[in-house]
Every structure is written in structure tokens, then in C-alpha cells.
């Protein structure tokens, strides 16, 4: 079912204070900045060492850790981060965490430079327990709900997808299947059964009631892939999963669009994989508990 407005409140409520780590003890964390192109996407990885010359500090109360009181968070403004990556801010920014939690930040808010990607808290690195090593922090003047303070940040998408592509690797061959070449394979989906990632997207301007996609087995056959033992799904952000190819006998679908537009990252795009857990409960424990896999970048067959 559609799970798009589930908040992190349960997780946040059990953490009263943030554990600190020496700055740099967690290595040099990085974020991937992804921008749409006329065909596919391009990406730039920016690590903490590159961010430090542009660092600024916001002293504020993290609404998820109020017991800590006012804290000095140091990081780079999201606007400056995109400038550093050479990526234009034509539209809003979608932030994705390691847990595939998603947040949409409107362009107007980004341009005010009161939101930072923080890598330091009172001069110390931010631990995993505290949502680090990279987390979104707002100046209190923005009055953003605690659900908008995304933890474990791994990727940020600029704007909307134009003509995304999914990479398919099989053996020693690799090809990219672009959305405009897949239109004849797509079919309408039952929108009520399409999951989207948990997240904070109240400022996103679009709402949809239709979705389309491609049976995963049909997609791979169109790419000439007819055999293999394992299928590995690799996302732009989040954990990689590997499944038995035999699962393709189930009606697993790759979602390609909502409404008449390519699947926006705020809904798990550029592509997501939907597993039929409700119709086939025997898949429980084999596929993701949510019944979906988001932000798909690459499919590898071995």
C-alpha cells in the first residue's frame, strides 16, 4: 500500500541525546549529487574535505534531540553544495538517506541558505546514533518539522527526471535502457498497491493517482537477458540487495512513471521495484519488508 507519509517519529522518540565522535573518526563521509540530463543522469561525489572550506555554523535546537539544548552544527549550505558540484538549482532538491528516507526541499528554501548538510556537532563528528555522519539541519527561523531533518544523507537529486535510464549488466556486457525506449513495454499499475518511500514531502507540489511500469522479467528479456542465478539491485542511495533469479516468476514490477511523468525521486525514482507481498505472502523474509526497492540505478545479473 502507499506508505509515503510515514514519519520517523517512532525512531526519534527513543533517542534522548546524541553520541559524539571525533571529527574524522568516521572517515571522510560524502554525498552524491545527481542531476538529470536529456538522456540519463550525471553525478558528482562531494566529500567532507571538499565541503570544509565552505563550512558555516548554525546554532539551534535539533527538534529530534531537544534534551541537548542549543547546539552548534557545522556544515555546508545545500545551495553552496550544489554550486560546488556544478549542479544548477532549477527546481527543488530531493534528499535521500541511507535508510531510503526521502525529503523534498523547495528551491526557494534552498536559496535562503538556512538549511545545511551538517557534518559536525559542537566540533565533533555526528555518530550514526545521532543521524550522522551527514544530516540535514535547519535554522530555527525556517520552522521545519523534525521529520524534515533527514539522517544518514547519501544522495541529493536536482529537480525532476527527464529521460532516466537503468543500467543492466549481465556477464561482461552492460547497457543502459532509457525510459523513452521502454514505452512499448509499460503497462498501467494499480496505484493503490504502489509503495513510495517514507519521507517528508509536504512541500512537493505534485500529487498523482496513476502509475505505470514494466514486469521485471519482461524488461530483462528486452535487454536479451534470459538466464542467470542471481539478480542484484543497486540503488543511488541505500543498501544493495541480491535475490534469486527464480523470483522473476512472480509478478515483480519496475515502476517507471507516476501520472504522465517519469518517477520523481521524491516518490522513489528514477525507478522503483515493487514486490507482490500482499498477493504472495510467501515472499516475506526474501524481499524487502516494505515490499519495494527505491532509487534503482543498476541491475546486475550473475
Foldseek 3Di string as FASTA:
>chain_A
DADAADFCVVLLVVDQAFDFAAQCPVPWDWAKEWEADLEAIDIDIDTQVNWVVQKDWAFDAQPSHNVVPTKIFIFHQPLVVCVSVVHDQPFWKWWAAQARAIEIDTSVRSVVRQKGFTQDINNTATDVSRQDNTWIDGHCVVVDDSRRTHGRTHYMYHDWYNWHWAWEAEDPDIDTDTPVNCVVQKDWDQQVQQYFHYYHYPVPDDDFRTWMWHQPCVVVVVVVDDDFFKKWWDASHYDIDIAGPVLSVARKTKTADTDPGQDGVSRQDNIKIAAPCVVPVVCPPRDDPVRMGGRTHYMYGD
